[in-house]
Structures are given as C-alpha cells and as structure tokens.
Amino acid sequence: MGKRKSKAPTETKKILKVPTSFNCPFCNHGSSVECRIDREAENGEVRCRVCSEGFQMKINNLTDPVDIYSDWIDECERVNK
C-alpha cells in the first residue's frame, strides 16, 4: 500500500500595519509627521516635529492615521488653488 501524500504547509499571511509617521509636505522631512488619534474625544491630529505644522479633524471609529494625513494633504491642495 502507498503512503498518503501530506498536505503542503500553508503560508501565513503577514498583517501589514498602517503607518503612523509620514513625510511633511511643508519642510519635506521624512517620517517627521506623527499622527495621534483620541477616540474618546473623536479628534485626530497630525503634526510635524520639525516645522510644527499641523492639522486636526473630527474622526469616527473607522478612521486610520493615513486617513487624517490624506485629508491634510487634500486640504493643503485646496488652499493652494
């Protein structure tokens, strides 16, 4: 009698983390913008450690740091037009 074939080991999926530090659009320093989320106060804030530029917005329970950063970039582009 032949042996049964063993199943190939399954690969585990790596969970990618959402970044919380970004490049500043004003001073162009890499990873100098940090995002802070206060879920209790429903407030999100991004601030550059180098040039002290920042942005605040209301958040909901689905908001991620990248969402706040992208809203800041969109607001900067809107103001520049």
PDB file of N, CA and C in Angstrom:
ATOM      1  N   MET A   1       0.836  -1.164   0.000  1.00  0.00           N
ATOM      2  CA  MET A   1       0.000   0.000   0.000  1.00  0.00           C
ATOM      3  C   MET A   1       0.890   1.240   0.000  1.00  0.00           C
ATOM      4  N   GLY A   2       0.419   2.276  -0.672  1.00  0.00           N
ATOM      5  CA  GLY A   2       1.182   3.510  -0.743  1.00  0.00           C
ATOM      6  C   GLY A   2       0.853   4.444   0.406  1.00  0.00           C
ATOM      7  N   LYS A   3       1.782   5.336   0.650  1.00  0.00           N
ATOM      8  CA  LYS A   3       1.565   6.330   1.715  1.00  0.00           C
ATOM      9  C   LYS A   3       0.655   7.432   1.211  1.00  0.00           C
ATOM     10  N   ARG A   4      -0.035   8.023   2.126  1.00  0.00           N
ATOM     11  CA  ARG A   4      -0.842   9.186   1.763  1.00  0.00           C
ATOM     12  C   ARG A   4       0.061  10.393   1.633  1.00  0.00           C
ATOM     13  N   LYS A   5      -0.281  11.242   0.689  1.00  0.00           N
ATOM     14  CA  LYS A   5       0.513  12.451   0.496  1.00  0.00           C
ATOM     15  C   LYS A   5       0.185  13.434   1.610  1.00  0.00           C
ATOM     16  N   SER A   6       1.221  14.010   2.161  1.00  0.00           N
ATOM     17  CA  SER A   6       0.992  15.015   3.206  1.00  0.00           C
ATOM     18  C   SER A   6       0.635  16.342   2.549  1.00  0.00           C
ATOM     19  N   LYS A   7      -0.153  17.108   3.249  1.00  0.00           N
ATOM     20  CA  LYS A   7      -0.546  18.408   2.729  1.00  0.00           C
ATOM     21  C   LYS A   7       0.635  19.359   2.805  1.00  0.00           C
ATOM     22  N   ALA A   8       0.733  20.228   1.809  1.00  0.00           N
ATOM     23  CA  ALA A   8       1.788  21.235   1.792  1.00  0.00           C
ATOM     24  C   ALA A   8       1.522  22.237   2.906  1.00  0.00           C
ATOM     25  N   PRO A   9       2.566  22.692   3.586  1.00  0.00           N
ATOM     26  CA  PRO A   9       2.340  23.666   4.663  1.00  0.00           C
ATOM     27  C   PRO A   9       1.761  24.963   4.097  1.00  0.00           C
ATOM     28  N   THR A  10       0.786  25.472   4.775  1.00  0.00           N
ATOM     29  CA  THR A  10       0.152  26.709   4.319  1.00  0.00           C
ATOM     30  C   THR A  10       0.975  27.901   4.768  1.00  0.00           C
ATOM     31  N   GLU A  11       1.046  28.896   3.921  1.00  0.00           N
ATOM     32  CA  GLU A  11       1.780  30.107   4.248  1.00  0.00           C
ATOM     33  C   GLU A  11       0.892  31.030   5.067  1.00  0.00           C
ATOM     34  N   THR A  12       1.459  31.603   6.096  1.00  0.00           N
ATOM     35  CA  THR A  12       0.693  32.548   6.898  1.00  0.00           C
ATOM     36  C   THR A  12       0.773  33.921   6.246  1.00  0.00           C
ATOM     37  N   LYS A  13      -0.335  34.613   6.250  1.00  0.00           N
ATOM     38  CA  LYS A  13      -0.374  35.947   5.664  1.00  0.00           C
ATOM     39  C   LYS A  13       0.192  36.941   6.663  1.00  0.00           C
ATOM     40  N   LYS A  14       1.033  37.811   6.174  1.00  0.00           N
ATOM     41  CA  LYS A  14       1.582  38.854   7.025  1.00  0.00           C
ATOM     42  C   LYS A  14       0.582  39.992   7.119  1.00  0.00           C
ATOM     43  N   ILE A  15       0.347  40.445   8.314  1.00  0.00           N
ATOM     44  CA  ILE A  15      -0.561  41.558   8.533  1.00  0.00           C
ATOM     45  C   ILE A  15       0.234  42.850   8.416  1.00  0.00           C
ATOM     46  N   LEU A  16      -0.167  43.678   7.473  1.00  0.00           N
ATOM     47  CA  LEU A  16       0.520  44.947   7.266  1.00  0.00           C
ATOM     48  C   LEU A  16      -0.060  45.983   8.211  1.00  0.00           C
ATOM     49  N   LYS A  17       0.820  46.698   8.882  1.00  0.00           N
ATOM     50  CA  LYS A  17       0.382  47.755   9.785  1.00  0.00           C
ATOM     51  C   LYS A  17       0.236  49.062   9.011  1.00  0.00           C
ATOM     52  N   VAL A  18      -0.753  49.829   9.386  1.00  0.00           N
ATOM     53  CA  VAL A  18      -0.962  51.129   8.778  1.00  0.00           C
ATOM     54  C   VAL A  18       0.085  52.083   9.343  1.00  0.00           C
ATOM     55  N   PRO A  19       0.802  52.808   8.490  1.00  0.00           N
ATOM     56  CA  PRO A  19       1.847  53.701   9.011  1.00  0.00           C
ATOM     57  C   PRO A  19       1.261  54.846   9.833  1.00  0.00           C
ATOM     58  N   THR A  20       2.033  55.297  10.822  1.00  0.00           N
ATOM     59  CA  THR A  20       1.598  56.421  11.654  1.00  0.00           C
ATOM     60  C   THR A  20       2.548  57.601  11.526  1.00  0.00           C
ATOM     61  N   SER A  21       3.643  57.462  10.780  1.00  0.00           N
ATOM     62  CA  SER A  21       4.541  58.591  10.551  1.00  0.00           C
ATOM     63  C   SER A  21       4.694  58.780   9.039  1.00  0.00           C
ATOM     64  N   PHE A  22       4.705  60.051   8.629  1.00  0.00           N
ATOM     65  CA  PHE A  22       4.665  60.376   7.212  1.00  0.00           C
ATOM     66  C   PHE A  22       5.658  61.492   6.903  1.00  0.00           C
ATOM     67  N   ASN A  23       5.803  61.813   5.613  1.00  0.00           N
ATOM     68  CA  ASN A  23       6.644  62.921   5.169  1.00  0.00           C
ATOM     69  C   ASN A  23       5.867  64.224   5.268  1.00  0.00           C
ATOM     70  N   CYS A  24       6.554  65.293   5.678  1.00  0.00           N
ATOM     71  CA  CYS A  24       5.909  66.593   5.823  1.00  0.00           C
ATOM     72  C   CYS A  24       5.815  67.277   4.452  1.00  0.00           C
ATOM     73  N   PRO A  25       4.634  67.780   4.076  1.00  0.00           N
ATOM     74  CA  PRO A  25       4.506  68.468   2.790  1.00  0.00           C
ATOM     75  C   PRO A  25       5.109  69.873   2.803  1.00  0.00           C
ATOM     76  N   PHE A  26       5.389  70.418   3.977  1.00  0.00           N
ATOM     77  CA  PHE A  26       5.929  71.779   4.068  1.00  0.00           C
ATOM     78  C   PHE A  26       7.452  71.794   4.112  1.00  0.00           C
ATOM     79  N   CYS A  27       8.061  70.973   4.960  1.00  0.00           N
ATOM     80  CA  CYS A  27       9.523  71.000   5.095  1.00  0.00           C
ATOM     81  C   CYS A  27      10.201  69.802   4.440  1.00  0.00           C
ATOM     82  N   ASN A  28       9.436  68.848   3.909  1.00  0.00           N
ATOM     83  CA  ASN A  28       9.933  67.676   3.189  1.00  0.00           C
ATOM     84  C   ASN A  28      10.860  66.779   4.006  1.00  0.00           C
ATOM     85  N   HIS A  29      10.732  66.785   5.318  1.00  0.00           N
ATOM     86  CA  HIS A  29      11.489  65.846   6.138  1.00  0.00           C
ATOM     87  C   HIS A  29      10.777  64.504   6.134  1.00  0.00           C
ATOM     88  N   GLY A  30      11.536  63.439   6.029  1.00  0.00           N
ATOM     89  CA  GLY A  30      10.950  62.107   6.007  1.00  0.00           C
ATOM     90  C   GLY A  30      10.564  61.635   7.393  1.00  0.00           C
ATOM     91  N   SER A  31       9.404  61.082   7.509  1.00  0.00           N
ATOM     92  CA  SER A  31       8.877  60.499   8.754  1.00  0.00           C
ATOM     93  C   SER A  31       8.871  61.470   9.924  1.00  0.00           C
ATOM     94  N   SER A  32       8.658  62.732   9.652  1.00  0.00           N
ATOM     95  CA  SER A  32       8.630  63.719  10.733  1.00  0.00           C
ATOM     96  C   SER A  32       7.203  64.060  11.166  1.00  0.00           C
ATOM     97  N   VAL A  33       6.218  63.617  10.426  1.00  0.00           N
ATOM     98  CA  VAL A  33       4.821  63.896  10.763  1.00  0.00           C
ATOM     99  C   VAL A  33       4.261  62.694  11.511  1.00  0.00           C
ATOM    100  N   GLU A  34       3.771  62.953  12.713  1.00  0.00           N
ATOM    101  CA  GLU A  34       3.180  61.895  13.517  1.00  0.00           C
ATOM    102  C   GLU A  34       1.690  62.127  13.643  1.00  0.00           C
ATOM    103  N   CYS A  35       0.964  61.055  13.710  1.00  0.00           N
ATOM    104  CA  CYS A  35      -0.489  61.120  13.817  1.00  0.00           C
ATOM    105  C   CYS A  35      -0.914  60.617  15.188  1.00  0.00           C
ATOM    106  N   ARG A  36      -1.799  61.370  15.824  1.00  0.00           N
ATOM    107  CA  ARG A  36      -2.356  60.972  17.115  1.00  0.00           C
ATOM    108  C   ARG A  36      -3.865  60.941  16.997  1.00  0.00           C
ATOM    109  N   ILE A  37      -4.452  59.870  17.510  1.00  0.00           N
ATOM    110  CA  ILE A  37      -5.901  59.710  17.457  1.00  0.00           C
ATOM    111  C   ILE A  37      -6.426  59.564  18.871  1.00  0.00           C
ATOM    112  N   ASP A  38      -7.382  60.418  19.214  1.00  0.00           N
ATOM    113  CA  ASP A  38      -8.059  60.339  20.509  1.00  0.00           C
ATOM    114  C   ASP A  38      -9.495  59.900  20.231  1.00  0.00           C
ATOM    115  N   ARG A  39      -9.742  58.615  20.391  1.00  0.00           N
ATOM    116  CA  ARG A  39     -11.061  58.049  20.053  1.00  0.00           C
ATOM    117  C   ARG A  39     -12.152  58.549  20.999  1.00  0.00           C
ATOM    118  N   GLU A  40     -11.804  58.784  22.265  1.00  0.00           N
ATOM    119  CA  GLU A  40     -12.806  59.250  23.225  1.00  0.00           C
ATOM    120  C   GLU A  40     -13.293  60.650  22.886  1.00  0.00           C
ATOM    121  N   ALA A  41     -12.378  61.535  22.516  1.00  0.00           N
ATOM    122  CA  ALA A  41     -12.750  62.906  22.163  1.00  0.00           C
ATOM    123  C   ALA A  41     -13.115  63.041  20.687  1.00  0.00           C
ATOM    124  N   GLU A  42     -12.997  61.944  19.910  1.00  0.00           N
ATOM    125  CA  GLU A  42     -13.269  61.938  18.472  1.00  0.00           C
ATOM    126  C   GLU A  42     -12.462  63.011  17.752  1.00  0.00           C
ATOM    127  N   ASN A  43     -11.172  63.037  18.051  1.00  0.00           N
ATOM    128  CA  ASN A  43     -10.283  64.044  17.490  1.00  0.00           C
ATOM    129  C   ASN A  43      -9.033  63.360  16.944  1.00  0.00           C
ATOM    130  N   GLY A  44      -8.641  63.732  15.715  1.00  0.00           N
ATOM    131  CA  GLY A  44      -7.412  63.241  15.119  1.00  0.00           C
ATOM    132  C   GLY A  44      -6.501  64.401  14.800  1.00  0.00           C
ATOM    133  N   GLU A  45      -5.196  64.215  15.012  1.00  0.00           N
ATOM    134  CA  GLU A  45      -4.246  65.302  14.802  1.00  0.00           C
ATOM    135  C   GLU A  45      -2.987  64.773  14.141  1.00  0.00           C
ATOM    136  N   VAL A  46      -2.485  65.523  13.152  1.00  0.00           N
ATOM    137  CA  VAL A  46      -1.169  65.267  12.575  1.00  0.00           C
ATOM    138  C   VAL A  46      -0.330  66.509  12.802  1.00  0.00           C
ATOM    139  N   ARG A  47       0.934  66.305  13.173  1.00  0.00           N
ATOM    140  CA  ARG A  47       1.819  67.426  13.459  1.00  0.00           C
ATOM    141  C   ARG A  47       3.246  67.055  13.072  1.00  0.00           C
ATOM    142  N   CYS A  48       3.947  68.014  12.443  1.00  0.00           N
ATOM    143  CA  CYS A  48       5.341  67.827  12.065  1.00  0.00           C
ATOM    144  C   CYS A  48       6.230  68.190  13.249  1.00  0.00           C
ATOM    145  N   ARG A  49       7.199  67.343  13.555  1.00  0.00           N
ATOM    146  CA  ARG A  49       8.115  67.607  14.667  1.00  0.00           C
ATOM    147  C   ARG A  49       9.154  68.674  14.314  1.00  0.00           C
ATOM    148  N   VAL A  50       9.403  68.882  13.027  1.00  0.00           N
ATOM    149  CA  VAL A  50      10.448  69.816  12.606  1.00  0.00           C
ATOM    150  C   VAL A  50       9.911  71.230  12.449  1.00  0.00           C
ATOM    151  N   CYS A  51       8.850  71.386  11.651  1.00  0.00           N
ATOM    152  CA  CYS A  51       8.354  72.740  11.354  1.00  0.00           C
ATOM    153  C   CYS A  51       7.088  73.094  12.132  1.00  0.00           C
ATOM    154  N   SER A  52       6.578  72.213  12.939  1.00  0.00           N
ATOM    155  CA  SER A  52       5.411  72.427  13.816  1.00  0.00           C
ATOM    156  C   SER A  52       4.113  72.733  13.070  1.00  0.00           C
ATOM    157  N   GLU A  53       4.037  72.376  11.787  1.00  0.00           N
ATOM    158  CA  GLU A  53       2.774  72.499  11.065  1.00  0.00           C
ATOM    159  C   GLU A  53       1.878  71.353  11.492  1.00  0.00           C
ATOM    160  N   GLY A  54       0.567  71.607  11.507  1.00  0.00           N
ATOM    161  CA  GLY A  54      -0.338  70.560  11.953  1.00  0.00           C
ATOM    162  C   GLY A  54      -1.722  70.700  11.380  1.00  0.00           C
ATOM    163  N   PHE A  55      -2.547  69.704  11.668  1.00  0.00           N
ATOM    164  CA  PHE A  55      -3.919  69.650  11.171  1.00  0.00           C
ATOM    165  C   PHE A  55      -4.730  68.807  12.145  1.00  0.00           C
ATOM    166  N   GLN A  56      -5.970  69.243  12.418  1.00  0.00           N
ATOM    167  CA  GLN A  56      -6.876  68.497  13.276  1.00  0.00           C
ATOM    168  C   GLN A  56      -8.189  68.294  12.552  1.00  0.00           C
ATOM    169  N   MET A  57      -8.831  67.177  12.869  1.00  0.00           N
ATOM    170  CA  MET A  57     -10.129  66.908  12.260  1.00  0.00           C
ATOM    171  C   MET A  57     -10.945  65.998  13.164  1.00  0.00           C
ATOM    172  N   LYS A  58     -12.267  66.004  12.950  1.00  0.00           N
ATOM    173  CA  LYS A  58     -13.163  65.088  13.645  1.00  0.00           C
ATOM    174  C   LYS A  58     -13.008  63.707  13.021  1.00  0.00           C
ATOM    175  N   ILE A  59     -13.042  62.674  13.844  1.00  0.00           N
ATOM    176  CA  ILE A  59     -12.894  61.316  13.342  1.00  0.00           C
ATOM    177  C   ILE A  59     -14.088  60.469  13.778  1.00  0.00           C
ATOM    178  N   ASN A  60     -14.190  59.284  13.190  1.00  0.00           N
ATOM    179  CA  ASN A  60     -15.156  58.293  13.642  1.00  0.00           C
ATOM    180  C   ASN A  60     -14.389  57.021  14.001  1.00  0.00           C
ATOM    181  N   ASN A  61     -15.080  55.943  14.292  1.00  0.00           N
ATOM    182  CA  ASN A  61     -14.390  54.743  14.749  1.00  0.00           C
ATOM    183  C   ASN A  61     -13.685  53.986  13.630  1.00  0.00           C
ATOM    184  N   LEU A  62     -13.890  54.355  12.379  1.00  0.00           N
ATOM    185  CA  LEU A  62     -13.223  53.698  11.250  1.00  0.00           C
ATOM    186  C   LEU A  62     -12.016  54.464  10.735  1.00  0.00           C
ATOM    187  N   THR A  63     -11.730  55.619  11.286  1.00  0.00           N
ATOM    188  CA  THR A  63     -10.650  56.470  10.800  1.00  0.00           C
ATOM    189  C   THR A  63      -9.297  55.906  11.203  1.00  0.00           C
ATOM    190  N   ASP A  64      -8.367  55.872  10.232  1.00  0.00           N
ATOM    191  CA  ASP A  64      -6.991  55.442  10.459  1.00  0.00           C
ATOM    192  C   ASP A  64      -6.068  56.650  10.339  1.00  0.00           C
ATOM    193  N   PRO A  65      -4.820  56.538  10.814  1.00  0.00           N
ATOM    194  CA  PRO A  65      -3.883  57.661  10.693  1.00  0.00           C
ATOM    195  C   PRO A  65      -3.658  58.110   9.257  1.00  0.00           C
ATOM    196  N   VAL A  66      -3.647  57.179   8.325  1.00  0.00           N
ATOM    197  CA  VAL A  66      -3.430  57.553   6.930  1.00  0.00           C
ATOM    198  C   VAL A  66      -4.603  58.370   6.391  1.00  0.00           C
ATOM    199  N   ASP A  67      -5.797  58.166   6.922  1.00  0.00           N
ATOM    200  CA  ASP A  67      -6.962  58.957   6.504  1.00  0.00           C
ATOM    201  C   ASP A  67      -6.813  60.414   6.926  1.00  0.00           C
ATOM    202  N   ILE A  68      -6.315  60.638   8.128  1.00  0.00           N
ATOM    203  CA  ILE A  68      -6.120  62.008   8.624  1.00  0.00           C
ATOM    204  C   ILE A  68      -5.035  62.706   7.811  1.00  0.00           C
ATOM    205  N   TYR A  69      -3.948  61.983   7.528  1.00  0.00           N
ATOM    206  CA  TYR A  69      -2.852  62.553   6.735  1.00  0.00           C
ATOM    207  C   TYR A  69      -3.328  62.896   5.322  1.00  0.00           C
ATOM    208  N   SER A  70      -4.101  62.008   4.706  1.00  0.00           N
ATOM    209  CA  SER A  70      -4.571  62.282   3.347  1.00  0.00           C
ATOM    210  C   SER A  70      -5.552  63.453   3.321  1.00  0.00           C
ATOM    211  N   ASP A  71      -6.367  63.601   4.361  1.00  0.00           N
ATOM    212  CA  ASP A  71      -7.257  64.769   4.438  1.00  0.00           C
ATOM    213  C   ASP A  71      -6.447  66.056   4.588  1.00  0.00           C
ATOM    214  N   TRP A  72      -5.337  65.995   5.307  1.00  0.00           N
ATOM    215  CA  TRP A  72      -4.460  67.158   5.463  1.00  0.00           C
ATOM    216  C   TRP A  72      -3.846  67.536   4.122  1.00  0.00           C
ATOM    217  N   ILE A  73      -3.382  66.551   3.371  1.00  0.00           N
ATOM    218  CA  ILE A  73      -2.812  66.819   2.051  1.00  0.00           C
ATOM    219  C   ILE A  73      -3.871  67.401   1.120  1.00  0.00           C
ATOM    220  N   ASP A  74      -5.083  66.859   1.156  1.00  0.00           N
ATOM    221  CA  ASP A  74      -6.175  67.383   0.326  1.00  0.00           C
ATOM    222  C   ASP A  74      -6.504  68.825   0.697  1.00  0.00           C
ATOM    223  N   GLU A  75      -6.509  69.129   1.984  1.00  0.00           N
ATOM    224  CA  GLU A  75      -6.780  70.499   2.440  1.00  0.00           C
ATOM    225  C   GLU A  75      -5.681  71.457   1.990  1.00  0.00           C
ATOM    226  N   CYS A  76      -4.421  71.008   2.036  1.00  0.00           N
ATOM    227  CA  CYS A  76      -3.307  71.841   1.561  1.00  0.00           C
ATOM    228  C   CYS A  76      -3.448  72.150   0.082  1.00  0.00           C
ATOM    229  N   GLU A  77      -3.824  71.141  -0.715  1.00  0.00           N
ATOM    230  CA  GLU A  77      -4.003  71.347  -2.147  1.00  0.00           C
ATOM    231  C   GLU A  77      -5.176  72.278  -2.428  1.00  0.00           C
ATOM    232  N   ARG A  78      -6.252  72.145  -1.632  1.00  0.00           N
ATOM    233  CA  ARG A  78      -7.410  73.022  -1.822  1.00  0.00           C
ATOM    234  C   ARG A  78      -7.062  74.466  -1.523  1.00  0.00           C
ATOM    235  N   VAL A  79      -6.286  74.708  -0.470  1.00  0.00           N
ATOM    236  CA  VAL A  79      -5.904  76.068  -0.096  1.00  0.00           C
ATOM    237  C   VAL A  79      -4.963  76.665  -1.131  1.00  0.00           C
ATOM    238  N   ASN A  80      -4.095  75.858  -1.727  1.00  0.00           N
ATOM    239  CA  ASN A  80      -3.131  76.371  -2.708  1.00  0.00           C
ATOM    240  C   ASN A  80      -3.783  76.727  -4.041  1.00  0.00           C
ATOM    241  N   LYS A  81      -4.991  76.267  -4.313  1.00  0.00           N
ATOM    242  CA  LYS A  81      -5.659  76.592  -5.587  1.00  0.00           C
ATOM    243  C   LYS A  81      -6.262  77.952  -5.588  1.00  0.00           C
TER     244      LYS A  81
END
